Amino acid sequence: MPYSSSLTDKEWELIKPLLPQKKQTRPPRWSKRQILDGIFYQLKNGCNWCDLPKELPPYSTVFWHYKQWRSDGVIDRILAILHRQVRAKVKKTEMDASADHRFASGQKHLQC
């Protein structure tokens, strides 16, 4: 069952190369995409790890991968790629981001 936090096929193709490739001794029970869907579900909804829906991998599996990928910088790289994709979709640039921050913080433009 897809959730609003589930990866689209396009997003999955973008981030799949970022995931560590380890030699498998046996077929994994859960795909990396399913594990990422669990991670994104928790990050979006802010629920306890143990409250992940039963359709997703077990919370212990999801949390273990989250800790590993977080400490290795994989999660940050994934979020950066997805963030750039969203900004491109709405046609925002990095300059727009700094302007947004200035206006949000109440800074005024000086007129010369």
PDB file of N, CA and C in Angstrom:
ATOM      1  N   MET A   1       0.850  -1.180   0.000  1.00  0.00           N
ATOM      2  CA  MET A   1       0.000   0.000   0.000  1.00  0.00           C
ATOM      3  C   MET A   1       0.894   1.240   0.000  1.00  0.00           C
ATOM      4  N   PRO A   2       0.803   2.063  -1.030  1.00  0.00           N
ATOM      5  CA  PRO A   2       1.640   3.263  -1.056  1.00  0.00           C
ATOM      6  C   PRO A   2       1.104   4.336  -0.097  1.00  0.00           C
ATOM      7  N   TYR A   3       2.024   5.049   0.493  1.00  0.00           N
ATOM      8  CA  TYR A   3       1.699   6.167   1.380  1.00  0.00           C
ATOM      9  C   TYR A   3       2.155   7.450   0.702  1.00  0.00           C
ATOM     10  N   SER A   4       1.716   8.578   1.203  1.00  0.00           N
ATOM     11  CA  SER A   4       2.138   9.846   0.595  1.00  0.00           C
ATOM     12  C   SER A   4       3.642  10.052   0.730  1.00  0.00           C
ATOM     13  N   SER A   5       4.263   9.346   1.644  1.00  0.00           N
ATOM     14  CA  SER A   5       5.714   9.449   1.832  1.00  0.00           C
ATOM     15  C   SER A   5       6.487   8.429   1.001  1.00  0.00           C
ATOM     16  N   SER A   6       5.777   7.534   0.302  1.00  0.00           N
ATOM     17  CA  SER A   6       6.445   6.492  -0.493  1.00  0.00           C
ATOM     18  C   SER A   6       7.167   7.101  -1.689  1.00  0.00           C
ATOM     19  N   LEU A   7       8.283   6.492  -2.045  1.00  0.00           N
ATOM     20  CA  LEU A   7       9.062   6.962  -3.190  1.00  0.00           C
ATOM     21  C   LEU A   7       8.334   6.676  -4.501  1.00  0.00           C
ATOM     22  N   THR A   8       8.402   7.615  -5.429  1.00  0.00           N
ATOM     23  CA  THR A   8       7.910   7.356  -6.779  1.00  0.00           C
ATOM     24  C   THR A   8       8.991   6.575  -7.528  1.00  0.00           C
ATOM     25  N   ASP A   9       8.624   6.011  -8.670  1.00  0.00           N
ATOM     26  CA  ASP A   9       9.616   5.287  -9.471  1.00  0.00           C
ATOM     27  C   ASP A   9      10.749   6.216  -9.904  1.00  0.00           C
ATOM     28  N   LYS A  10      10.407   7.442 -10.261  1.00  0.00           N
ATOM     29  CA  LYS A  10      11.423   8.409 -10.697  1.00  0.00           C
ATOM     30  C   LYS A  10      12.383   8.742  -9.549  1.00  0.00           C
ATOM     31  N   GLU A  11      11.836   8.974  -8.360  1.00  0.00           N
ATOM     32  CA  GLU A  11      12.681   9.260  -7.199  1.00  0.00           C
ATOM     33  C   GLU A  11      13.583   8.068  -6.879  1.00  0.00           C
ATOM     34  N   TRP A  12      13.020   6.866  -6.952  1.00  0.00           N
ATOM     35  CA  TRP A  12      13.792   5.663  -6.667  1.00  0.00           C
ATOM     36  C   TRP A  12      14.971   5.538  -7.627  1.00  0.00           C
ATOM     37  N   GLU A  13      14.756   5.798  -8.904  1.00  0.00           N
ATOM     38  CA  GLU A  13      15.845   5.705  -9.884  1.00  0.00           C
ATOM     39  C   GLU A  13      16.937   6.742  -9.601  1.00  0.00           C
ATOM     40  N   LEU A  14      16.552   7.900  -9.071  1.00  0.00           N
ATOM     41  CA  LEU A  14      17.537   8.932  -8.736  1.00  0.00           C
ATOM     42  C   LEU A  14      18.420   8.535  -7.555  1.00  0.00           C
ATOM     43  N   ILE A  15      17.818   7.910  -6.553  1.00  0.00           N
ATOM     44  CA  ILE A  15      18.583   7.662  -5.326  1.00  0.00           C
ATOM     45  C   ILE A  15      19.142   6.249  -5.208  1.00  0.00           C
ATOM     46  N   LYS A  16      18.680   5.344  -6.039  1.00  0.00           N
ATOM     47  CA  LYS A  16      19.174   3.961  -5.959  1.00  0.00           C
ATOM     48  C   LYS A  16      20.699   3.874  -6.033  1.00  0.00           C
ATOM     49  N   PRO A  17      21.367   4.639  -6.906  1.00  0.00           N
ATOM     50  CA  PRO A  17      22.831   4.550  -6.967  1.00  0.00           C
ATOM     51  C   PRO A  17      23.542   5.036  -5.695  1.00  0.00           C
ATOM     52  N   LEU A  18      22.857   5.791  -4.848  1.00  0.00           N
ATOM     53  CA  LEU A  18      23.477   6.305  -3.626  1.00  0.00           C
ATOM     54  C   LEU A  18      23.552   5.271  -2.508  1.00  0.00           C
ATOM     55  N   LEU A  19      22.764   4.214  -2.634  1.00  0.00           N
ATOM     56  CA  LEU A  19      22.700   3.219  -1.563  1.00  0.00           C
ATOM     57  C   LEU A  19      23.897   2.283  -1.613  1.00  0.00           C
ATOM     58  N   PRO A  20      24.433   1.936  -0.453  1.00  0.00           N
ATOM     59  CA  PRO A  20      25.589   1.041  -0.426  1.00  0.00           C
ATOM     60  C   PRO A  20      25.245  -0.330  -0.991  1.00  0.00           C
ATOM     61  N   GLN A  21      26.159  -0.870  -1.775  1.00  0.00           N
ATOM     62  CA  GLN A  21      25.986  -2.206  -2.349  1.00  0.00           C
ATOM     63  C   GLN A  21      26.869  -3.169  -1.572  1.00  0.00           C
ATOM     64  N   LYS A  22      26.249  -4.094  -0.897  1.00  0.00           N
ATOM     65  CA  LYS A  22      27.004  -5.086  -0.144  1.00  0.00           C
ATOM     66  C   LYS A  22      26.754  -6.455  -0.744  1.00  0.00           C
ATOM     67  N   LYS A  23      27.753  -7.295  -0.629  1.00  0.00           N
ATOM     68  CA  LYS A  23      27.613  -8.655  -1.122  1.00  0.00           C
ATOM     69  C   LYS A  23      26.548  -9.366  -0.286  1.00  0.00           C
ATOM     70  N   GLN A  24      25.559  -9.884  -0.966  1.00  0.00           N
ATOM     71  CA  GLN A  24      24.463 -10.563  -0.281  1.00  0.00           C
ATOM     72  C   GLN A  24      24.782 -12.044  -0.126  1.00  0.00           C
ATOM     73  N   THR A  25      24.661 -12.534   1.081  1.00  0.00           N
ATOM     74  CA  THR A  25      24.850 -13.965   1.303  1.00  0.00           C
ATOM     75  C   THR A  25      23.536 -14.715   1.123  1.00  0.00           C
ATOM     76  N   ARG A  26      22.458 -14.008   1.265  1.00  0.00           N
ATOM     77  CA  ARG A  26      21.130 -14.593   1.034  1.00  0.00           C
ATOM     78  C   ARG A  26      20.224 -13.489   0.502  1.00  0.00           C
ATOM     79  N   PRO A  27      19.164 -13.868  -0.163  1.00  0.00           N
ATOM     80  CA  PRO A  27      18.256 -12.826  -0.677  1.00  0.00           C
ATOM     81  C   PRO A  27      17.657 -12.030   0.484  1.00  0.00           C
ATOM     82  N   PRO A  28      17.624 -10.712   0.348  1.00  0.00           N
ATOM     83  CA  PRO A  28      17.047  -9.906   1.435  1.00  0.00           C
ATOM     84  C   PRO A  28      15.538 -10.112   1.512  1.00  0.00           C
ATOM     85  N   ARG A  29      15.029 -10.064   2.709  1.00  0.00           N
ATOM     86  CA  ARG A  29      13.584 -10.215   2.896  1.00  0.00           C
ATOM     87  C   ARG A  29      12.846  -8.939   2.473  1.00  0.00           C
ATOM     88  N   TRP A  30      13.498  -7.802   2.673  1.00  0.00           N
ATOM     89  CA  TRP A  30      12.902  -6.508   2.341  1.00  0.00           C
ATOM     90  C   TRP A  30      13.826  -5.768   1.391  1.00  0.00           C
ATOM     91  N   SER A  31      13.253  -5.139   0.381  1.00  0.00           N
ATOM     92  CA  SER A  31      14.071  -4.373  -0.568  1.00  0.00           C
ATOM     93  C   SER A  31      14.511  -3.057   0.080  1.00  0.00           C
ATOM     94  N   LYS A  32      15.554  -2.484  -0.461  1.00  0.00           N
ATOM     95  CA  LYS A  32      16.025  -1.191   0.043  1.00  0.00           C
ATOM     96  C   LYS A  32      14.961  -0.114  -0.165  1.00  0.00           C
ATOM     97  N   ARG A  33      14.209  -0.247  -1.228  1.00  0.00           N
ATOM     98  CA  ARG A  33      13.136   0.725  -1.473  1.00  0.00           C
ATOM     99  C   ARG A  33      12.072   0.629  -0.383  1.00  0.00           C
ATOM    100  N   GLN A  34      11.707  -0.587   0.016  1.00  0.00           N
ATOM    101  CA  GLN A  34      10.725  -0.753   1.086  1.00  0.00           C
ATOM    102  C   GLN A  34      11.258  -0.182   2.404  1.00  0.00           C
ATOM    103  N   ILE A  35      12.538  -0.394   2.647  1.00  0.00           N
ATOM    104  CA  ILE A  35      13.149   0.131   3.868  1.00  0.00           C
ATOM    105  C   ILE A  35      13.139   1.662   3.837  1.00  0.00           C
ATOM    106  N   LEU A  36      13.485   2.242   2.687  1.00  0.00           N
ATOM    107  CA  LEU A  36      13.439   3.708   2.565  1.00  0.00           C
ATOM    108  C   LEU A  36      12.016   4.236   2.730  1.00  0.00           C
ATOM    109  N   ASP A  37      11.036   3.515   2.200  1.00  0.00           N
ATOM    110  CA  ASP A  37       9.646   3.937   2.396  1.00  0.00           C
ATOM    111  C   ASP A  37       9.310   3.979   3.888  1.00  0.00           C
ATOM    112  N   GLY A  38       9.826   3.015   4.648  1.00  0.00           N
ATOM    113  CA  GLY A  38       9.624   3.021   6.097  1.00  0.00           C
ATOM    114  C   GLY A  38      10.301   4.206   6.759  1.00  0.00           C
ATOM    115  N   ILE A  39      11.519   4.503   6.332  1.00  0.00           N
ATOM    116  CA  ILE A  39      12.250   5.650   6.882  1.00  0.00           C
ATOM    117  C   ILE A  39      11.500   6.944   6.581  1.00  0.00           C
ATOM    118  N   PHE A  40      11.072   7.117   5.328  1.00  0.00           N
ATOM    119  CA  PHE A  40      10.374   8.347   4.958  1.00  0.00           C
ATOM    120  C   PHE A  40       9.011   8.453   5.639  1.00  0.00           C
ATOM    121  N   TYR A  41       8.351   7.319   5.858  1.00  0.00           N
ATOM    122  CA  TYR A  41       7.077   7.348   6.578  1.00  0.00           C
ATOM    123  C   TYR A  41       7.298   7.913   7.981  1.00  0.00           C
ATOM    124  N   GLN A  42       8.326   7.411   8.660  1.00  0.00           N
ATOM    125  CA  GLN A  42       8.599   7.872  10.021  1.00  0.00           C
ATOM    126  C   GLN A  42       9.009   9.344  10.025  1.00  0.00           C
ATOM    127  N   LEU A  43       9.877   9.738   9.100  1.00  0.00           N
ATOM    128  CA  LEU A  43      10.334  11.130   9.064  1.00  0.00           C
ATOM    129  C   LEU A  43       9.183  12.089   8.774  1.00  0.00           C
ATOM    130  N   LYS A  44       8.288  11.696   7.877  1.00  0.00           N
ATOM    131  CA  LYS A  44       7.173  12.579   7.520  1.00  0.00           C
ATOM    132  C   LYS A  44       6.140  12.661   8.639  1.00  0.00           C
ATOM    133  N   ASN A  45       5.816  11.520   9.234  1.00  0.00           N
ATOM    134  CA  ASN A  45       4.724  11.473  10.202  1.00  0.00           C
ATOM    135  C   ASN A  45       5.171  11.659  11.645  1.00  0.00           C
ATOM    136  N   GLY A  46       6.460  11.510  11.902  1.00  0.00           N
ATOM    137  CA  GLY A  46       6.967  11.723  13.251  1.00  0.00           C
ATOM    138  C   GLY A  46       6.505  10.696  14.263  1.00  0.00           C
ATOM    139  N   CYS A  47       6.085   9.544  13.799  1.00  0.00           N
ATOM    140  CA  CYS A  47       5.624   8.506  14.718  1.00  0.00           C
ATOM    141  C   CYS A  47       6.822   7.808  15.366  1.00  0.00           C
ATOM    142  N   ASN A  48       6.560   7.057  16.411  1.00  0.00           N
ATOM    143  CA  ASN A  48       7.603   6.213  16.977  1.00  0.00           C
ATOM    144  C   ASN A  48       7.953   5.143  15.956  1.00  0.00           C
ATOM    145  N   TRP A  49       9.211   4.724  15.967  1.00  0.00           N
ATOM    146  CA  TRP A  49       9.633   3.694  15.016  1.00  0.00           C
ATOM    147  C   TRP A  49       8.767   2.445  15.152  1.00  0.00           C
ATOM    148  N   CYS A  50       8.421   2.096  16.375  1.00  0.00           N
ATOM    149  CA  CYS A  50       7.648   0.861  16.582  1.00  0.00           C
ATOM    150  C   CYS A  50       6.204   0.993  16.108  1.00  0.00           C
ATOM    151  N   ASP A  51       5.782   2.201  15.726  1.00  0.00           N
ATOM    152  CA  ASP A  51       4.417   2.415  15.239  1.00  0.00           C
ATOM    153  C   ASP A  51       4.318   2.461  13.718  1.00  0.00           C
ATOM    154  N   LEU A  52       5.366   2.010  13.020  1.00  0.00           N
ATOM    155  CA  LEU A  52       5.281   1.952  11.557  1.00  0.00           C
ATOM    156  C   LEU A  52       4.165   0.997  11.153  1.00  0.00           C
ATOM    157  N   PRO A  53       3.469   1.282  10.045  1.00  0.00           N
ATOM    158  CA  PRO A  53       2.414   0.373   9.590  1.00  0.00           C
ATOM    159  C   PRO A  53       2.956  -1.033   9.334  1.00  0.00           C
ATOM    160  N   LYS A  54       2.112  -2.001   9.533  1.00  0.00           N
ATOM    161  CA  LYS A  54       2.516  -3.411   9.399  1.00  0.00           C
ATOM    162  C   LYS A  54       2.875  -3.790   7.965  1.00  0.00           C
ATOM    163  N   GLU A  55       2.433  -3.003   6.969  1.00  0.00           N
ATOM    164  CA  GLU A  55       2.764  -3.297   5.568  1.00  0.00           C
ATOM    165  C   GLU A  55       4.221  -2.975   5.257  1.00  0.00           C
ATOM    166  N   LEU A  56       4.832  -2.160   6.091  1.00  0.00           N
ATOM    167  CA  LEU A  56       6.232  -1.781   5.898  1.00  0.00           C
ATOM    168  C   LEU A  56       7.126  -2.800   6.605  1.00  0.00           C
ATOM    169  N   PRO A  57       8.421  -2.778   6.306  1.00  0.00           N
ATOM    170  CA  PRO A  57       9.326  -3.697   7.010  1.00  0.00           C
ATOM    171  C   PRO A  57       9.264  -3.466   8.524  1.00  0.00           C
ATOM    172  N   PRO A  58       9.698  -4.454   9.304  1.00  0.00           N
ATOM    173  CA  PRO A  58       9.685  -4.288  10.761  1.00  0.00           C
ATOM    174  C   PRO A  58      10.494  -3.059  11.182  1.00  0.00           C
ATOM    175  N   TYR A  59      10.016  -2.401  12.221  1.00  0.00           N
ATOM    176  CA  TYR A  59      10.681  -1.163  12.650  1.00  0.00           C
ATOM    177  C   TYR A  59      12.136  -1.392  13.008  1.00  0.00           C
ATOM    178  N   SER A  60      12.475  -2.559  13.525  1.00  0.00           N
ATOM    179  CA  SER A  60      13.875  -2.818  13.889  1.00  0.00           C
ATOM    180  C   SER A  60      14.763  -2.814  12.647  1.00  0.00           C
ATOM    181  N   THR A  61      14.263  -3.353  11.548  1.00  0.00           N
ATOM    182  CA  THR A  61      15.005  -3.355  10.278  1.00  0.00           C
ATOM    183  C   THR A  61      15.132  -1.938   9.738  1.00  0.00           C
ATOM    184  N   VAL A  62      14.023  -1.218   9.730  1.00  0.00           N
ATOM    185  CA  VAL A  62      14.009   0.155   9.209  1.00  0.00           C
ATOM    186  C   VAL A  62      14.934   1.044  10.042  1.00  0.00           C
ATOM    187  N   PHE A  63      14.834   0.946  11.362  1.00  0.00           N
ATOM    188  CA  PHE A  63      15.646   1.794  12.234  1.00  0.00           C
ATOM    189  C   PHE A  63      17.128   1.448  12.123  1.00  0.00           C
ATOM    190  N   TRP A  64      17.463   0.169  12.017  1.00  0.00           N
ATOM    191  CA  TRP A  64      18.865  -0.235  11.874  1.00  0.00           C
ATOM    192  C   TRP A  64      19.466   0.385  10.619  1.00  0.00           C
ATOM    193  N   HIS A  65      18.743   0.293   9.492  1.00  0.00           N
ATOM    194  CA  HIS A  65      19.238   0.884   8.244  1.00  0.00           C
ATOM    195  C   HIS A  65      19.314   2.407   8.350  1.00  0.00           C
ATOM    196  N   TYR A  66      18.326   3.015   8.990  1.00  0.00           N
ATOM    197  CA  TYR A  66      18.354   4.468   9.172  1.00  0.00           C
ATOM    198  C   TYR A  66      19.624   4.882   9.920  1.00  0.00           C
ATOM    199  N   LYS A  67      19.926   4.203  11.028  1.00  0.00           N
ATOM    200  CA  LYS A  67      21.131   4.542  11.803  1.00  0.00           C
ATOM    201  C   LYS A  67      22.394   4.365  10.969  1.00  0.00           C
ATOM    202  N   GLN A  68      22.487   3.262  10.229  1.00  0.00           N
ATOM    203  CA  GLN A  68      23.666   3.004   9.403  1.00  0.00           C
ATOM    204  C   GLN A  68      23.817   4.072   8.321  1.00  0.00           C
ATOM    205  N   TRP A  69      22.744   4.297   7.576  1.00  0.00           N
ATOM    206  CA  TRP A  69      22.788   5.234   6.459  1.00  0.00           C
ATOM    207  C   TRP A  69      22.944   6.669   6.943  1.00  0.00           C
ATOM    208  N   ARG A  70      22.413   6.983   8.103  1.00  0.00           N
ATOM    209  CA  ARG A  70      22.569   8.331   8.662  1.00  0.00           C
ATOM    210  C   ARG A  70      24.034   8.575   9.026  1.00  0.00           C
ATOM    211  N   SER A  71      24.660   7.611   9.694  1.00  0.00           N
ATOM    212  CA  SER A  71      26.053   7.801  10.112  1.00  0.00           C
ATOM    213  C   SER A  71      27.005   7.797   8.924  1.00  0.00           C
ATOM    214  N   ASP A  72      26.633   7.111   7.838  1.00  0.00           N
ATOM    215  CA  ASP A  72      27.471   7.081   6.634  1.00  0.00           C
ATOM    216  C   ASP A  72      27.221   8.271   5.705  1.00  0.00           C
ATOM    217  N   GLY A  73      26.234   9.109   6.028  1.00  0.00           N
ATOM    218  CA  GLY A  73      25.921  10.267   5.195  1.00  0.00           C
ATOM    219  C   GLY A  73      24.988   9.960   4.033  1.00  0.00           C
ATOM    220  N   VAL A  74      24.522   8.720   3.939  1.00  0.00           N
ATOM    221  CA  VAL A  74      23.651   8.327   2.823  1.00  0.00           C
ATOM    222  C   VAL A  74      22.314   9.065   2.894  1.00  0.00           C
ATOM    223  N   ILE A  75      21.729   9.145   4.072  1.00  0.00           N
ATOM    224  CA  ILE A  75      20.428   9.818   4.226  1.00  0.00           C
ATOM    225  C   ILE A  75      20.538  11.285   3.814  1.00  0.00           C
ATOM    226  N   ASP A  76      21.604  11.951   4.232  1.00  0.00           N
ATOM    227  CA  ASP A  76      21.777  13.363   3.856  1.00  0.00           C
ATOM    228  C   ASP A  76      21.900  13.526   2.345  1.00  0.00           C
ATOM    229  N   ARG A  77      22.626  12.625   1.689  1.00  0.00           N
ATOM    230  CA  ARG A  77      22.769  12.707   0.224  1.00  0.00           C
ATOM    231  C   ARG A  77      21.427  12.452  -0.460  1.00  0.00           C
ATOM    232  N   ILE A  78      20.669  11.499   0.041  1.00  0.00           N
ATOM    233  CA  ILE A  78      19.348  11.204  -0.529  1.00  0.00           C
ATOM    234  C   ILE A  78      18.436  12.421  -0.383  1.00  0.00           C
ATOM    235  N   LEU A  79      18.397  12.992   0.810  1.00  0.00           N
ATOM    236  CA  LEU A  79      17.532  14.153   1.037  1.00  0.00           C
ATOM    237  C   LEU A  79      17.951  15.339   0.180  1.00  0.00           C
ATOM    238  N   ALA A  80      19.251  15.512  -0.032  1.00  0.00           N
ATOM    239  CA  ALA A  80      19.729  16.609  -0.883  1.00  0.00           C
ATOM    240  C   ALA A  80      19.264  16.418  -2.325  1.00  0.00           C
ATOM    241  N   ILE A  81      19.353  15.194  -2.833  1.00  0.00           N
ATOM    242  CA  ILE A  81      18.901  14.907  -4.210  1.00  0.00           C
ATOM    243  C   ILE A  81      17.398  15.162  -4.335  1.00  0.00           C
ATOM    244  N   LEU A  82      16.625  14.661  -3.380  1.00  0.00           N
ATOM    245  CA  LEU A  82      15.174  14.845  -3.438  1.00  0.00           C
ATOM    246  C   LEU A  82      14.805  16.321  -3.283  1.00  0.00           C
ATOM    247  N   HIS A  83      15.545  17.040  -2.452  1.00  0.00           N
ATOM    248  CA  HIS A  83      15.298  18.476  -2.266  1.00  0.00           C
ATOM    249  C   HIS A  83      15.553  19.234  -3.568  1.00  0.00           C
ATOM    250  N   ARG A  84      16.660  18.911  -4.237  1.00  0.00           N
ATOM    251  CA  ARG A  84      16.958  19.569  -5.525  1.00  0.00           C
ATOM    252  C   ARG A  84      15.874  19.254  -6.551  1.00  0.00           C
ATOM    253  N   GLN A  85      15.370  18.028  -6.540  1.00  0.00           N
ATOM    254  CA  GLN A  85      14.325  17.652  -7.492  1.00  0.00           C
ATOM    255  C   GLN A  85      13.062  18.482  -7.254  1.00  0.00           C
ATOM    256  N   VAL A  86      12.685  18.646  -6.010  1.00  0.00           N
ATOM    257  CA  VAL A  86      11.492  19.438  -5.691  1.00  0.00           C
ATOM    258  C   VAL A  86      11.701  20.897  -6.094  1.00  0.00           C
ATOM    259  N   ARG A  87      12.878  21.445  -5.796  1.00  0.00           N
ATOM    260  CA  ARG A  87      13.154  22.840  -6.156  1.00  0.00           C
ATOM    261  C   ARG A  87      13.130  23.025  -7.669  1.00  0.00           C
ATOM    262  N   ALA A  88      13.661  22.045  -8.403  1.00  0.00           N
ATOM    263  CA  ALA A  88      13.641  22.136  -9.867  1.00  0.00           C
ATOM    264  C   ALA A  88      12.205  22.073 -10.382  1.00  0.00           C
ATOM    265  N   LYS A  89      11.392  21.260  -9.737  1.00  0.00           N
ATOM    266  CA  LYS A  89      10.001  21.110 -10.158  1.00  0.00           C
ATOM    267  C   LYS A  89       9.235  22.425 -10.011  1.00  0.00           C
ATOM    268  N   VAL A  90       9.526  23.173  -8.961  1.00  0.00           N
ATOM    269  CA  VAL A  90       8.851  24.456  -8.763  1.00  0.00           C
ATOM    270  C   VAL A  90       9.685  25.622  -9.281  1.00  0.00           C
ATOM    271  N   LYS A  91      10.792  25.279  -9.951  1.00  0.00           N
ATOM    272  CA  LYS A  91      11.672  26.256 -10.603  1.00  0.00           C
ATOM    273  C   LYS A  91      12.251  27.278  -9.626  1.00  0.00           C
ATOM    274  N   LYS A  92      12.714  26.797  -8.494  1.00  0.00           N
ATOM    275  CA  LYS A  92      13.402  27.660  -7.537  1.00  0.00           C
ATOM    276  C   LYS A  92      14.891  27.389  -7.621  1.00  0.00           C
ATOM    277  N   THR A  93      15.674  28.443  -7.477  1.00  0.00           N
ATOM    278  CA  THR A  93      17.127  28.304  -7.497  1.00  0.00           C
ATOM    279  C   THR A  93      17.664  28.527  -6.087  1.00  0.00           C
ATOM    280  N   GLU A  94      18.964  28.326  -5.930  1.00  0.00           N
ATOM    281  CA  GLU A  94      19.587  28.593  -4.634  1.00  0.00           C
ATOM    282  C   GLU A  94      19.476  30.073  -4.281  1.00  0.00           C
ATOM    283  N   MET A  95      19.523  30.959  -5.282  1.00  0.00           N
ATOM    284  CA  MET A  95      19.373  32.395  -5.021  1.00  0.00           C
ATOM    285  C   MET A  95      17.981  32.687  -4.459  1.00  0.00           C
ATOM    286  N   ASP A  96      16.968  31.989  -4.986  1.00  0.00           N
ATOM    287  CA  ASP A  96      15.620  32.163  -4.454  1.00  0.00           C
ATOM    288  C   ASP A  96      15.579  31.786  -2.982  1.00  0.00           C
ATOM    289  N   ALA A  97      16.305  30.741  -2.633  1.00  0.00           N
ATOM    290  CA  ALA A  97      16.312  30.273  -1.247  1.00  0.00           C
ATOM    291  C   ALA A  97      16.896  31.326  -0.323  1.00  0.00           C
ATOM    292  N   SER A  98      17.975  31.978  -0.745  1.00  0.00           N
ATOM    293  CA  SER A  98      18.567  32.999   0.122  1.00  0.00           C
ATOM    294  C   SER A  98      17.647  34.215   0.207  1.00  0.00           C
ATOM    295  N   ALA A  99      16.966  34.551  -0.877  1.00  0.00           N
ATOM    296  CA  ALA A  99      16.014  35.664  -0.846  1.00  0.00           C
ATOM    297  C   ALA A  99      14.839  35.318   0.060  1.00  0.00           C
ATOM    298  N   ASP A 100      14.348  34.085  -0.037  1.00  0.00           N
ATOM    299  CA  ASP A 100      13.255  33.654   0.834  1.00  0.00           C
ATOM    300  C   ASP A 100      13.658  33.810   2.295  1.00  0.00           C
ATOM    301  N   HIS A 101      14.890  33.436   2.608  1.00  0.00           N
ATOM    302  CA  HIS A 101      15.363  33.516   3.987  1.00  0.00           C
ATOM    303  C   HIS A 101      15.428  34.973   4.458  1.00  0.00           C
ATOM    304  N   ARG A 102      15.918  35.866   3.603  1.00  0.00           N
ATOM    305  CA  ARG A 102      16.006  37.281   3.977  1.00  0.00           C
ATOM    306  C   ARG A 102      14.625  37.847   4.285  1.00  0.00           C
ATOM    307  N   PHE A 103      13.662  37.537   3.425  1.00  0.00           N
ATOM    308  CA  PHE A 103      12.327  38.077   3.637  1.00  0.00           C
ATOM    309  C   PHE A 103      11.684  37.458   4.873  1.00  0.00           C
ATOM    310  N   ALA A 104      11.901  36.183   5.076  1.00  0.00           N
ATOM    311  CA  ALA A 104      11.308  35.507   6.223  1.00  0.00           C
ATOM    312  C   ALA A 104      11.890  36.027   7.533  1.00  0.00           C
ATOM    313  N   SER A 105      13.154  36.425   7.503  1.00  0.00           N
ATOM    314  CA  SER A 105      13.783  36.904   8.736  1.00  0.00           C
ATOM    315  C   SER A 105      13.508  38.390   8.975  1.00  0.00           C
ATOM    316  N   GLY A 106      12.793  39.030   8.070  1.00  0.00           N
ATOM    317  CA  GLY A 106      12.418  40.422   8.259  1.00  0.00           C
ATOM    318  C   GLY A 106      13.469  41.424   7.832  1.00  0.00           C
ATOM    319  N   GLN A 107      14.509  40.996   7.150  1.00  0.00           N
ATOM    320  CA  GLN A 107      15.536  41.928   6.698  1.00  0.00           C
ATOM    321  C   GLN A 107      14.979  42.788   5.569  1.00  0.00           C
ATOM    322  N   LYS A 108      15.380  44.033   5.570  1.00  0.00           N
ATOM    323  CA  LYS A 108      14.921  44.962   4.537  1.00  0.00           C
ATOM    324  C   LYS A 108      16.013  45.146   3.498  1.00  0.00           C
ATOM    325  N   HIS A 109      15.585  45.391   2.261  1.00  0.00           N
ATOM    326  CA  HIS A 109      16.538  45.728   1.204  1.00  0.00           C
ATOM    327  C   HIS A 109      16.883  47.210   1.326  1.00  0.00           C
ATOM    328  N   LEU A 110      18.156  47.516   1.209  1.00  0.00           N
ATOM    329  CA  LEU A 110      18.580  48.913   1.239  1.00  0.00           C
ATOM    330  C   LEU A 110      18.450  49.504  -0.154  1.00  0.00           C
ATOM    331  N   GLN A 111      17.872  50.677  -0.237  1.00  0.00           N
ATOM    332  CA  GLN A 111      17.742  51.361  -1.515  1.00  0.00           C
ATOM    333  C   GLN A 111      18.918  52.314  -1.660  1.00  0.00           C
ATOM    334  N   CYS A 112      19.572  52.273  -2.804  1.00  0.00           N
ATOM    335  CA  CYS A 112      20.720  53.163  -3.036  1.00  0.00           C
ATOM    336  C   CYS A 112      20.278  54.428  -3.711  1.00  0.00           C
TER     337      CYS A 112
END
